[in-house]
Amino acid sequence: MSADRGGCNGGKLVHIILVSDRMATARSITITGGHLAFFATALVMVVLALSSAFSYLTVRHAAEIRLPFLQELLRTNHLEEVGKSRELLRDSLSSMAVRLGQMQGQLMQLDTLGERLAGLAGVKKPERKAAPAKPAENSAGGPLIRPDNLTEVEMQRALNELAQQIEVRSQTLAILDDRLFEERTRKQLLPTSKPVDSDARASGFGWRSDPFTGQTAMHEGIDFMAEVGTPILAAGAGIVRNVERHPEYGNLVEIDHGDGLVTRYAHASQVFVKAGELVRSTQRIAAVGSTGRSTGSHLHFEVRINGVAQNPARFLAQGVTRLARN
């Protein structure tokens, strides 16, 4: 085979002469520039096709390898997130269960305290129905429902119900506390304490023979025999309404205990309080004397309601009963 190159009309030609023992005569092939361009273009197309096919096969093979790995990675991350959420939920339910137990304990304490306060305040407890016949031993049953077996919604509902019950109990206790405060105040205001440290009484409340005239007359108080200077004590808390020198009562102290209740302390030798002063129960307000219409040292003690004389012994008896109970 031999080849020579020549030009024709300005174009390049390549002559290829084929010589072979099998051929009777030599053959000549002429390749022009167009042929060369065609072959070059075809070669480029083949190379691009092979590159694309190789890239496709490579990407597909890599995807087939990586896709299960990515799916497993995502599944693992999801399981971890679910585990964390469950753990947080368990912790939350455990905290709520502890809180539920604490609130139940507080409710029991409030019930116990409420019963005690109701008794102290004198509030009548509701009557309980007669208990049914005692069942046989070990005759209990029913499903076991523990706080840690409740769902979050059920736990929150139980907490809300307990919170409402505690609020109701607190309001009840507040009312009972007000009742007790009123009761304590009322007892402090009532003239139930002895006005002098003496049990000797010259005369009591009611009709008697007047010591000056000998005629029957109404005695509107109790006379306590005591030496001059013996402390006179307020029979109850209140406000000093009047301090004066009276022609019959002598040195007189009047204490207003509210609701029209007034006590009088007469024939004092000295007075240690003044009008408008607030005094507490058993506070020293004067000293025993024999001023005014009196035959000797003593305390004339009166209790009046809306100006009407009452028997002081009834009030003093309440103080004695209270002291006996304490």
C-alpha atoms as a PDB file:
ATOM      1  CA  MET A   1       0.000   0.000   0.000  1.00  0.00           C
ATOM      2  CA  SER A   2       1.309   3.417  -0.848  1.00  0.00           C
ATOM      3  CA  ALA A   3      -0.159   6.862  -0.509  1.00  0.00           C
ATOM      4  CA  ASP A   4       0.539  10.186  -2.121  1.00  0.00           C
ATOM      5  CA  ARG A   5      -0.949  13.553  -1.542  1.00  0.00           C
ATOM      6  CA  GLY A   6      -1.978  16.074  -4.134  1.00  0.00           C
ATOM      7  CA  GLY A   7      -4.129  19.091  -4.540  1.00  0.00           C
ATOM      8  CA  CYS A   8      -7.168  19.590  -6.670  1.00  0.00           C
ATOM      9  CA  ASN A   9      -8.945  22.895  -6.999  1.00  0.00           C
ATOM     10  CA  GLY A  10      -7.266  24.184  -3.874  1.00  0.00           C
ATOM     11  CA  GLY A  11      -8.465  21.148  -1.789  1.00  0.00           C
ATOM     12  CA  LYS A  12      -6.322  18.528  -0.180  1.00  0.00           C
ATOM     13  CA  LEU A  13      -6.443  14.982  -1.556  1.00  0.00           C
ATOM     14  CA  VAL A  14      -5.043  11.817  -0.122  1.00  0.00           C
ATOM     15  CA  HIS A  15      -4.515   8.954  -2.585  1.00  0.00           C
ATOM     16  CA  ILE A  16      -4.213   5.523  -1.132  1.00  0.00           C
ATOM     17  CA  ILE A  17      -3.095   2.716  -3.479  1.00  0.00           C
ATOM     18  CA  LEU A  18      -3.885  -0.767  -2.273  1.00  0.00           C
ATOM     19  CA  VAL A  19      -1.602  -3.525  -3.596  1.00  0.00           C
ATOM     20  CA  SER A  20      -2.111  -7.158  -2.587  1.00  0.00           C
ATOM     21  CA  ASP A  21      -1.202 -10.623  -3.834  1.00  0.00           C
ATOM     22  CA  ARG A  22      -4.900 -11.493  -3.715  1.00  0.00           C
ATOM     23  CA  MET A  23      -5.769  -8.636  -6.010  1.00  0.00           C
ATOM     24  CA  ALA A  24      -5.128  -8.930  -9.741  1.00  0.00           C
ATOM     25  CA  THR A  25      -4.710  -5.203 -10.108  1.00  0.00           C
ATOM     26  CA  ALA A  26      -3.862  -2.376  -7.678  1.00  0.00           C
ATOM     27  CA  ARG A  27      -6.721  -0.242  -6.331  1.00  0.00           C
ATOM     28  CA  SER A  28      -6.617   3.463  -5.561  1.00  0.00           C
ATOM     29  CA  ILE A  29      -8.696   5.226  -2.860  1.00  0.00           C
ATOM     30  CA  THR A  30      -8.956   8.971  -2.777  1.00  0.00           C
ATOM     31  CA  ILE A  31      -9.764  10.739   0.536  1.00  0.00           C
ATOM     32  CA  THR A  32     -10.801  14.333   0.410  1.00  0.00           C
ATOM     33  CA  GLY A  33     -10.990  16.983   3.186  1.00  0.00           C
ATOM     34  CA  GLY A  34     -14.724  16.355   3.522  1.00  0.00           C
ATOM     35  CA  HIS A  35     -14.086  12.755   4.272  1.00  0.00           C
ATOM     36  CA  LEU A  36     -11.575  13.706   6.983  1.00  0.00           C
ATOM     37  CA  ALA A  37     -14.022  16.156   8.575  1.00  0.00           C
ATOM     38  CA  PHE A  38     -16.763  13.520   8.591  1.00  0.00           C
ATOM     39  CA  PHE A  39     -14.518  10.968  10.225  1.00  0.00           C
ATOM     40  CA  ALA A  40     -13.352  13.508  12.851  1.00  0.00           C
ATOM     41  CA  THR A  41     -16.936  14.486  13.650  1.00  0.00           C
ATOM     42  CA  ALA A  42     -17.982  10.855  13.949  1.00  0.00           C
ATOM     43  CA  LEU A  43     -15.063  10.166  16.273  1.00  0.00           C
ATOM     44  CA  VAL A  44     -16.034  13.064  18.539  1.00  0.00           C
ATOM     45  CA  MET A  45     -19.652  11.879  18.620  1.00  0.00           C
ATOM     46  CA  VAL A  46     -18.587   8.384  19.606  1.00  0.00           C
ATOM     47  CA  VAL A  47     -16.337   9.719  22.369  1.00  0.00           C
ATOM     48  CA  LEU A  48     -19.141  11.913  23.768  1.00  0.00           C
ATOM     49  CA  ALA A  49     -21.609   9.031  23.645  1.00  0.00           C
ATOM     50  CA  LEU A  50     -19.201   6.751  25.463  1.00  0.00           C
ATOM     51  CA  SER A  51     -18.535   9.464  28.119  1.00  0.00           C
ATOM     52  CA  SER A  52     -22.249  10.038  28.711  1.00  0.00           C
ATOM     53  CA  ALA A  53     -22.930   6.335  29.000  1.00  0.00           C
ATOM     54  CA  PHE A  54     -20.061   5.950  31.434  1.00  0.00           C
ATOM     55  CA  SER A  55     -21.273   8.888  33.565  1.00  0.00           C
ATOM     56  CA  TYR A  56     -24.852   7.561  33.621  1.00  0.00           C
ATOM     57  CA  LEU A  57     -23.762   4.105  34.642  1.00  0.00           C
ATOM     58  CA  THR A  58     -21.451   5.557  37.315  1.00  0.00           C
ATOM     59  CA  VAL A  59     -24.137   7.821  38.834  1.00  0.00           C
ATOM     60  CA  ARG A  60     -26.772   5.106  38.786  1.00  0.00           C
ATOM     61  CA  HIS A  61     -24.451   2.617  40.378  1.00  0.00           C
ATOM     62  CA  ALA A  62     -23.471   5.157  43.068  1.00  0.00           C
ATOM     63  CA  ALA A  63     -27.138   5.973  43.733  1.00  0.00           C
ATOM     64  CA  GLU A  64     -27.949   2.294  44.089  1.00  0.00           C
ATOM     65  CA  ILE A  65     -25.140   2.045  46.645  1.00  0.00           C
ATOM     66  CA  ARG A  66     -25.791   5.294  48.564  1.00  0.00           C
ATOM     67  CA  LEU A  67     -29.639   5.312  48.677  1.00  0.00           C
ATOM     68  CA  PRO A  68     -29.994   2.459  51.212  1.00  0.00           C
ATOM     69  CA  PHE A  69     -27.290   4.052  53.334  1.00  0.00           C
ATOM     70  CA  LEU A  70     -29.130   7.397  53.358  1.00  0.00           C
ATOM     71  CA  GLN A  71     -32.424   5.670  54.147  1.00  0.00           C
ATOM     72  CA  GLU A  72     -30.842   3.813  57.057  1.00  0.00           C
ATOM     73  CA  LEU A  73     -29.249   7.015  58.316  1.00  0.00           C
ATOM     74  CA  LEU A  74     -32.588   8.847  58.205  1.00  0.00           C
ATOM     75  CA  ARG A  75     -34.364   5.954  59.923  1.00  0.00           C
ATOM     76  CA  THR A  76     -31.723   5.897  62.657  1.00  0.00           C
ATOM     77  CA  ASN A  77     -32.064   9.650  63.240  1.00  0.00           C
ATOM     78  CA  HIS A  78     -35.861   9.313  63.365  1.00  0.00           C
ATOM     79  CA  LEU A  79     -35.653   6.521  65.918  1.00  0.00           C
ATOM     80  CA  GLU A  80     -33.292   8.621  68.045  1.00  0.00           C
ATOM     81  CA  GLU A  81     -35.698  11.588  67.939  1.00  0.00           C
ATOM     82  CA  VAL A  82     -38.639   9.326  68.843  1.00  0.00           C
ATOM     83  CA  GLY A  83     -36.616   7.861  71.718  1.00  0.00           C
ATOM     84  CA  LYS A  84     -35.758  11.306  73.031  1.00  0.00           C
ATOM     85  CA  SER A  85     -39.411  12.397  72.786  1.00  0.00           C
ATOM     86  CA  ARG A  86     -40.555   9.321  74.664  1.00  0.00           C
ATOM     87  CA  GLU A  87     -37.936   9.883  77.334  1.00  0.00           C
ATOM     88  CA  LEU A  88     -39.027  13.501  77.753  1.00  0.00           C
ATOM     89  CA  LEU A  89     -42.650  12.356  77.926  1.00  0.00           C
ATOM     90  CA  ARG A  90     -41.805   9.779  80.600  1.00  0.00           C
ATOM     91  CA  ASP A  91     -39.939  12.400  82.617  1.00  0.00           C
ATOM     92  CA  SER A  92     -42.863  14.792  82.256  1.00  0.00           C
ATOM     93  CA  LEU A  93     -45.371  12.140  83.336  1.00  0.00           C
ATOM     94  CA  SER A  94     -43.160  11.170  86.277  1.00  0.00           C
ATOM     95  CA  SER A  95     -42.990  14.810  87.412  1.00  0.00           C
ATOM     96  CA  MET A  96     -46.738  15.162  87.007  1.00  0.00           C
ATOM     97  CA  ALA A  97     -47.302  11.946  88.970  1.00  0.00           C
ATOM     98  CA  VAL A  98     -45.137  13.271  91.811  1.00  0.00           C
ATOM     99  CA  ARG A  99     -47.042  16.563  91.735  1.00  0.00           C
ATOM    100  CA  LEU A 100     -50.336  14.662  91.733  1.00  0.00           C
ATOM    101  CA  GLY A 101     -49.301  12.734  94.846  1.00  0.00           C
ATOM    102  CA  GLN A 102     -48.219  15.936  96.585  1.00  0.00           C
ATOM    103  CA  MET A 103     -51.510  17.641  95.781  1.00  0.00           C
ATOM    104  CA  GLN A 104     -53.465  14.636  97.053  1.00  0.00           C
ATOM    105  CA  GLY A 105     -51.501  14.842 100.304  1.00  0.00           C
ATOM    106  CA  GLN A 106     -52.221  18.567 100.563  1.00  0.00           C
ATOM    107  CA  LEU A 107     -55.905  17.899  99.958  1.00  0.00           C
ATOM    108  CA  MET A 108     -55.985  15.375 102.803  1.00  0.00           C
ATOM    109  CA  GLN A 109     -54.247  17.857 105.103  1.00  0.00           C
ATOM    110  CA  LEU A 110     -56.731  20.571 104.139  1.00  0.00           C
ATOM    111  CA  ASP A 111     -59.632  18.216 104.858  1.00  0.00           C
ATOM    112  CA  THR A 112     -58.204  17.347 108.273  1.00  0.00           C
ATOM    113  CA  LEU A 113     -57.543  20.999 109.081  1.00  0.00           C
ATOM    114  CA  GLY A 114     -60.997  21.936 107.831  1.00  0.00           C
ATOM    115  CA  GLU A 115     -62.640  19.429 110.181  1.00  0.00           C
ATOM    116  CA  ARG A 116     -60.680  20.812 113.122  1.00  0.00           C
ATOM    117  CA  LEU A 117     -61.500  24.409 112.268  1.00  0.00           C
ATOM    118  CA  ALA A 118     -65.156  23.533 111.725  1.00  0.00           C
ATOM    119  CA  GLY A 119     -65.245  22.031 115.207  1.00  0.00           C
ATOM    120  CA  LEU A 120     -63.576  25.071 116.710  1.00  0.00           C
ATOM    121  CA  ALA A 121     -65.867  27.444 114.842  1.00  0.00           C
ATOM    122  CA  GLY A 122     -68.930  25.493 115.921  1.00  0.00           C
ATOM    123  CA  VAL A 123     -69.946  24.657 112.360  1.00  0.00           C
ATOM    124  CA  LYS A 124     -72.213  21.625 112.256  1.00  0.00           C
ATOM    125  CA  LYS A 125     -70.770  18.827 110.154  1.00  0.00           C
ATOM    126  CA  PRO A 126     -73.022  17.223 107.562  1.00  0.00           C
ATOM    127  CA  GLU A 127     -74.651  14.053 108.770  1.00  0.00           C
ATOM    128  CA  ARG A 128     -73.152  10.914 107.345  1.00  0.00           C
ATOM    129  CA  LYS A 129     -75.301   8.106 106.080  1.00  0.00           C
ATOM    130  CA  ALA A 130     -75.331   4.905 108.034  1.00  0.00           C
ATOM    131  CA  ALA A 131     -72.473   2.668 106.994  1.00  0.00           C
ATOM    132  CA  PRO A 132     -73.515  -0.476 105.112  1.00  0.00           C
ATOM    133  CA  ALA A 133     -72.999  -3.912 106.562  1.00  0.00           C
ATOM    134  CA  LYS A 134     -69.343  -4.751 106.963  1.00  0.00           C
ATOM    135  CA  PRO A 135     -68.206  -6.842 103.990  1.00  0.00           C
ATOM    136  CA  ALA A 136     -66.224 -10.007 104.315  1.00  0.00           C
ATOM    137  CA  GLU A 137     -62.481  -9.676 104.636  1.00  0.00           C
ATOM    138  CA  ASN A 138     -60.397  -9.456 101.451  1.00  0.00           C
ATOM    139  CA  SER A 139     -63.519  -8.651  99.399  1.00  0.00           C
ATOM    140  CA  ALA A 140     -61.915  -5.816  97.475  1.00  0.00           C
ATOM    141  CA  GLY A 141     -61.279  -5.662  93.758  1.00  0.00           C
ATOM    142  CA  GLY A 142     -61.182  -3.560  90.630  1.00  0.00           C
ATOM    143  CA  PRO A 143     -58.485  -2.495  88.181  1.00  0.00           C
ATOM    144  CA  LEU A 144     -55.278  -0.963  89.434  1.00  0.00           C
ATOM    145  CA  ILE A 145     -54.912   2.580  88.150  1.00  0.00           C
ATOM    146  CA  ARG A 146     -51.677   4.208  89.185  1.00  0.00           C
ATOM    147  CA  PRO A 147     -50.676   7.785  88.414  1.00  0.00           C
ATOM    148  CA  ASP A 148     -47.715   6.571  86.340  1.00  0.00           C
ATOM    149  CA  ASN A 149     -50.114   4.529  84.150  1.00  0.00           C
ATOM    150  CA  LEU A 150     -52.120   7.576  83.121  1.00  0.00           C
ATOM    151  CA  THR A 151     -51.624   9.359  79.839  1.00  0.00           C
ATOM    152  CA  GLU A 152     -50.476  12.939  79.714  1.00  0.00           C
ATOM    153  CA  VAL A 153     -54.030  14.161  78.985  1.00  0.00           C
ATOM    154  CA  GLU A 154     -55.495  12.078  81.834  1.00  0.00           C
ATOM    155  CA  MET A 155     -52.760  13.236  84.180  1.00  0.00           C
ATOM    156  CA  GLN A 156     -53.388  16.888  83.321  1.00  0.00           C
ATOM    157  CA  ARG A 157     -57.130  16.386  83.824  1.00  0.00           C
ATOM    158  CA  ALA A 158     -56.504  14.826  87.248  1.00  0.00           C
ATOM    159  CA  LEU A 159     -54.222  17.711  88.204  1.00  0.00           C
ATOM    160  CA  ASN A 160     -56.824  20.262  87.132  1.00  0.00           C
ATOM    161  CA  GLU A 161     -59.534  18.519  89.168  1.00  0.00           C
ATOM    162  CA  LEU A 162     -57.299  18.408  92.241  1.00  0.00           C
ATOM    163  CA  ALA A 163     -56.407  22.064  91.804  1.00  0.00           C
ATOM    164  CA  GLN A 164     -60.113  22.947  91.763  1.00  0.00           C
ATOM    165  CA  GLN A 165     -60.749  20.858  94.878  1.00  0.00           C
ATOM    166  CA  ILE A 166     -57.840  22.508  96.681  1.00  0.00           C
ATOM    167  CA  GLU A 167     -59.173  25.938  95.697  1.00  0.00           C
ATOM    168  CA  VAL A 168     -62.610  25.047  97.097  1.00  0.00           C
ATOM    169  CA  ARG A 169     -61.022  23.732 100.313  1.00  0.00           C
ATOM    170  CA  SER A 170     -58.935  26.900 100.619  1.00  0.00           C
ATOM    171  CA  GLN A 171     -62.013  29.096 100.249  1.00  0.00           C
ATOM    172  CA  THR A 172     -63.801  27.028 102.888  1.00  0.00           C
ATOM    173  CA  LEU A 173     -60.836  27.356 105.238  1.00  0.00           C
ATOM    174  CA  ALA A 174     -60.769  31.104 104.658  1.00  0.00           C
ATOM    175  CA  ILE A 175     -64.441  31.314 105.637  1.00  0.00           C
ATOM    176  CA  LEU A 176     -63.809  29.176 108.724  1.00  0.00           C
ATOM    177  CA  ASP A 177     -60.837  31.344 109.636  1.00  0.00           C
ATOM    178  CA  ASP A 178     -63.047  34.434 109.417  1.00  0.00           C
ATOM    179  CA  ARG A 179     -65.618  32.722 111.606  1.00  0.00           C
ATOM    180  CA  LEU A 180     -62.953  31.832 114.155  1.00  0.00           C
ATOM    181  CA  PHE A 181     -61.578  35.367 114.118  1.00  0.00           C
ATOM    182  CA  GLU A 182     -65.055  36.758 114.670  1.00  0.00           C
ATOM    183  CA  GLU A 183     -65.620  34.238 117.433  1.00  0.00           C
ATOM    184  CA  ARG A 184     -62.344  35.100 119.130  1.00  0.00           C
ATOM    185  CA  THR A 185     -63.096  38.793 118.810  1.00  0.00           C
ATOM    186  CA  ARG A 186     -66.588  38.326 120.174  1.00  0.00           C
ATOM    187  CA  LYS A 187     -65.277  36.335 123.127  1.00  0.00           C
ATOM    188  CA  GLN A 188     -62.679  38.989 123.811  1.00  0.00           C
ATOM    189  CA  LEU A 189     -65.342  41.691 123.740  1.00  0.00           C
ATOM    190  CA  LEU A 190     -67.782  39.842 125.964  1.00  0.00           C
ATOM    191  CA  PRO A 191     -67.402  40.803 129.642  1.00  0.00           C
ATOM    192  CA  THR A 192     -66.682  37.274 130.862  1.00  0.00           C
ATOM    193  CA  SER A 193     -63.560  37.934 132.963  1.00  0.00           C
ATOM    194  CA  LYS A 194     -63.779  38.700 136.682  1.00  0.00           C
ATOM    195  CA  PRO A 195     -63.348  42.438 137.261  1.00  0.00           C
ATOM    196  CA  VAL A 196     -61.494  41.878 140.556  1.00  0.00           C
ATOM    197  CA  ASP A 197     -59.446  39.052 141.990  1.00  0.00           C
ATOM    198  CA  SER A 198     -62.050  38.221 144.593  1.00  0.00           C
ATOM    199  CA  ASP A 199     -64.922  35.794 144.917  1.00  0.00           C
ATOM    200  CA  ALA A 200     -66.509  37.536 147.909  1.00  0.00           C
ATOM    201  CA  ARG A 201     -69.778  39.155 146.898  1.00  0.00           C
ATOM    202  CA  ALA A 202     -71.638  41.547 149.193  1.00  0.00           C
ATOM    203  CA  SER A 203     -74.845  41.352 147.162  1.00  0.00           C
ATOM    204  CA  GLY A 204     -75.961  40.002 143.837  1.00  0.00           C
ATOM    205  CA  PHE A 205     -78.169  41.115 140.980  1.00  0.00           C
ATOM    206  CA  GLY A 206     -81.892  41.579 141.704  1.00  0.00           C
ATOM    207  CA  TRP A 207     -84.210  42.843 144.431  1.00  0.00           C
ATOM    208  CA  ARG A 208     -82.669  43.474 147.843  1.00  0.00           C
ATOM    209  CA  SER A 209     -82.997  45.577 150.988  1.00  0.00           C
ATOM    210  CA  ASP A 210     -81.336  48.914 150.353  1.00  0.00           C
ATOM    211  CA  PRO A 211     -78.393  49.381 152.796  1.00  0.00           C
ATOM    212  CA  PHE A 212     -79.282  53.033 153.384  1.00  0.00           C
ATOM    213  CA  THR A 213     -83.082  53.049 153.504  1.00  0.00           C
ATOM    214  CA  GLY A 214     -83.819  49.437 154.338  1.00  0.00           C
ATOM    215  CA  GLN A 215     -86.538  49.418 151.696  1.00  0.00           C
ATOM    216  CA  THR A 216     -86.773  46.869 148.907  1.00  0.00           C
ATOM    217  CA  ALA A 217     -84.938  48.150 145.862  1.00  0.00           C
ATOM    218  CA  MET A 218     -83.581  46.791 142.606  1.00  0.00           C
ATOM    219  CA  HIS A 219     -79.822  46.154 142.598  1.00  0.00           C
ATOM    220  CA  GLU A 220     -78.689  46.302 138.957  1.00  0.00           C
ATOM    221  CA  GLY A 221     -75.256  44.801 139.424  1.00  0.00           C
ATOM    222  CA  ILE A 222     -72.980  42.678 141.593  1.00  0.00           C
ATOM    223  CA  ASP A 223     -70.964  44.013 144.535  1.00  0.00           C
ATOM    224  CA  PHE A 224     -67.494  42.444 144.967  1.00  0.00           C
ATOM    225  CA  MET A 225     -65.911  42.937 148.389  1.00  0.00           C
ATOM    226  CA  ALA A 226     -62.272  44.019 148.170  1.00  0.00           C
ATOM    227  CA  GLU A 227     -59.824  46.247 149.952  1.00  0.00           C
ATOM    228  CA  VAL A 228     -59.148  49.789 148.848  1.00  0.00           C
ATOM    229  CA  GLY A 229     -56.553  49.848 146.090  1.00  0.00           C
ATOM    230  CA  THR A 230     -57.343  46.370 144.740  1.00  0.00           C
ATOM    231  CA  PRO A 231     -56.970  46.500 140.916  1.00  0.00           C
ATOM    232  CA  ILE A 232     -60.182  46.711 138.928  1.00  0.00           C
ATOM    233  CA  LEU A 233     -59.842  44.847 135.626  1.00  0.00           C
ATOM    234  CA  ALA A 234     -61.764  45.258 132.386  1.00  0.00           C
ATOM    235  CA  ALA A 235     -64.143  42.300 132.106  1.00  0.00           C
ATOM    236  CA  GLY A 236     -63.733  42.386 128.325  1.00  0.00           C
ATOM    237  CA  ALA A 237     -62.017  44.323 125.562  1.00  0.00           C
ATOM    238  CA  GLY A 238     -63.607  47.537 124.400  1.00  0.00           C
ATOM    239  CA  ILE A 239     -63.417  51.327 124.298  1.00  0.00           C
ATOM    240  CA  VAL A 240     -63.750  53.514 127.380  1.00  0.00           C
ATOM    241  CA  ARG A 241     -66.969  55.389 126.786  1.00  0.00           C
ATOM    242  CA  ASN A 242     -67.152  57.482 129.931  1.00  0.00           C
ATOM    243  CA  VAL A 243     -65.086  58.406 132.982  1.00  0.00           C
ATOM    244  CA  GLU A 244     -66.832  60.632 135.516  1.00  0.00           C
ATOM    245  CA  ARG A 245     -67.490  61.471 139.148  1.00  0.00           C
ATOM    246  CA  HIS A 246     -71.087  60.385 139.733  1.00  0.00           C
ATOM    247  CA  PRO A 247     -73.063  61.303 142.899  1.00  0.00           C
ATOM    248  CA  GLU A 248     -74.236  57.719 143.407  1.00  0.00           C
ATOM    249  CA  TYR A 249     -71.662  55.629 141.526  1.00  0.00           C
ATOM    250  CA  GLY A 250     -68.724  57.719 142.728  1.00  0.00           C
ATOM    251  CA  ASN A 251     -65.714  57.407 140.409  1.00  0.00           C
ATOM    252  CA  LEU A 252     -67.270  55.592 137.458  1.00  0.00           C
ATOM    253  CA  VAL A 253     -65.777  53.933 134.365  1.00  0.00           C
ATOM    254  CA  GLU A 254     -67.949  52.753 131.484  1.00  0.00           C
ATOM    255  CA  ILE A 255     -66.586  50.498 128.725  1.00  0.00           C
ATOM    256  CA  ASP A 256     -68.379  50.004 125.397  1.00  0.00           C
ATOM    257  CA  HIS A 257     -67.990  46.433 124.064  1.00  0.00           C
ATOM    258  CA  GLY A 258     -70.012  46.951 120.893  1.00  0.00           C
ATOM    259  CA  ASP A 259     -73.552  46.004 119.837  1.00  0.00           C
ATOM    260  CA  GLY A 260     -75.023  48.020 122.704  1.00  0.00           C
ATOM    261  CA  LEU A 261     -73.106  46.052 125.356  1.00  0.00           C
ATOM    262  CA  VAL A 262     -71.666  48.253 128.144  1.00  0.00           C
ATOM    263  CA  THR A 263     -70.035  47.484 131.507  1.00  0.00           C
ATOM    264  CA  ARG A 264     -69.864  49.818 134.512  1.00  0.00           C
ATOM    265  CA  TYR A 265     -67.251  49.885 137.287  1.00  0.00           C
ATOM    266  CA  ALA A 266     -68.319  52.082 140.230  1.00  0.00           C
ATOM    267  CA  HIS A 267     -67.023  53.451 143.598  1.00  0.00           C
ATOM    268  CA  ALA A 268     -63.360  53.411 142.418  1.00  0.00           C
ATOM    269  CA  SER A 269     -60.743  55.203 144.457  1.00  0.00           C
ATOM    270  CA  GLN A 270     -58.556  55.808 141.366  1.00  0.00           C
ATOM    271  CA  VAL A 271     -59.063  55.651 137.618  1.00  0.00           C
ATOM    272  CA  PHE A 272     -56.191  54.806 135.233  1.00  0.00           C
ATOM    273  CA  VAL A 273     -57.916  55.214 131.852  1.00  0.00           C
ATOM    274  CA  LYS A 274     -59.627  58.010 129.990  1.00  0.00           C
ATOM    275  CA  ALA A 275     -62.562  58.272 127.613  1.00  0.00           C
ATOM    276  CA  GLY A 276     -61.851  57.049 124.083  1.00  0.00           C
ATOM    277  CA  GLU A 277     -59.056  54.734 125.169  1.00  0.00           C
ATOM    278  CA  LEU A 278     -58.969  51.176 123.826  1.00  0.00           C
ATOM    279  CA  VAL A 279     -58.565  48.599 126.581  1.00  0.00           C
ATOM    280  CA  ARG A 280     -57.978  44.873 126.411  1.00  0.00           C
ATOM    281  CA  SER A 281     -59.598  42.215 128.507  1.00  0.00           C
ATOM    282  CA  THR A 282     -58.249  41.976 132.111  1.00  0.00           C
ATOM    283  CA  GLN A 283     -56.409  45.297 131.709  1.00  0.00           C
ATOM    284  CA  ARG A 284     -56.216  47.347 134.938  1.00  0.00           C
ATOM    285  CA  ILE A 285     -58.518  50.330 134.546  1.00  0.00           C
ATOM    286  CA  ALA A 286     -59.069  51.534 138.158  1.00  0.00           C
ATOM    287  CA  ALA A 287     -58.674  50.675 141.852  1.00  0.00           C
ATOM    288  CA  VAL A 288     -61.306  49.614 144.368  1.00  0.00           C
ATOM    289  CA  GLY A 289     -62.622  52.366 146.655  1.00  0.00           C
ATOM    290  CA  SER A 290     -65.745  53.568 148.467  1.00  0.00           C
ATOM    291  CA  THR A 291     -66.680  56.735 146.596  1.00  0.00           C
ATOM    292  CA  GLY A 292     -70.264  57.779 145.919  1.00  0.00           C
ATOM    293  CA  ARG A 293     -73.207  56.106 147.584  1.00  0.00           C
ATOM    294  CA  SER A 294     -71.281  53.339 149.351  1.00  0.00           C
ATOM    295  CA  THR A 295     -71.092  51.862 152.840  1.00  0.00           C
ATOM    296  CA  GLY A 296     -67.563  50.448 152.424  1.00  0.00           C
ATOM    297  CA  SER A 297     -64.823  49.543 149.966  1.00  0.00           C
ATOM    298  CA  HIS A 298     -66.162  47.369 147.166  1.00  0.00           C
ATOM    299  CA  LEU A 299     -66.660  47.237 143.394  1.00  0.00           C
ATOM    300  CA  HIS A 300     -70.127  47.701 141.987  1.00  0.00           C
ATOM    301  CA  PHE A 301     -70.106  45.921 138.574  1.00  0.00           C
ATOM    302  CA  GLU A 302     -72.908  46.231 136.010  1.00  0.00           C
ATOM    303  CA  VAL A 303     -73.583  44.829 132.530  1.00  0.00           C
ATOM    304  CA  ARG A 304     -76.110  46.621 130.326  1.00  0.00           C
ATOM    305  CA  ILE A 305     -77.443  45.891 126.840  1.00  0.00           C
ATOM    306  CA  ASN A 306     -78.990  48.901 125.134  1.00  0.00           C
ATOM    307  CA  GLY A 307     -79.298  50.523 128.547  1.00  0.00           C
ATOM    308  CA  VAL A 308     -81.112  47.576 130.162  1.00  0.00           C
ATOM    309  CA  ALA A 309     -79.375  46.033 133.164  1.00  0.00           C
ATOM    310  CA  GLN A 310     -78.402  42.340 132.799  1.00  0.00           C
ATOM    311  CA  ASN A 311     -77.284  39.836 135.390  1.00  0.00           C
ATOM    312  CA  PRO A 312     -73.456  39.976 135.252  1.00  0.00           C
ATOM    313  CA  ALA A 313     -73.266  36.455 136.703  1.00  0.00           C
ATOM    314  CA  ARG A 314     -74.468  34.995 133.395  1.00  0.00           C
ATOM    315  CA  PHE A 315     -71.538  36.558 131.530  1.00  0.00           C
ATOM    316  CA  LEU A 316     -68.978  35.678 134.179  1.00  0.00           C
ATOM    317  CA  ALA A 317     -70.195  32.072 134.142  1.00  0.00           C
ATOM    318  CA  GLN A 318     -69.238  31.829 130.469  1.00  0.00           C
ATOM    319  CA  GLY A 319     -65.700  32.846 131.320  1.00  0.00           C
ATOM    320  CA  VAL A 320     -65.503  30.209 134.043  1.00  0.00           C
ATOM    321  CA  THR A 321     -66.792  27.546 131.623  1.00  0.00           C
ATOM    322  CA  ARG A 322     -64.251  28.556 128.971  1.00  0.00           C
ATOM    323  CA  LEU A 323     -61.413  28.379 131.478  1.00  0.00           C
ATOM    324  CA  ALA A 324     -62.599  24.926 132.576  1.00  0.00           C
ATOM    325  CA  ARG A 325     -62.564  23.712 128.961  1.00  0.00           C
ATOM    326  CA  ASN A 326     -59.066  25.025 128.390  1.00  0.00           C
END
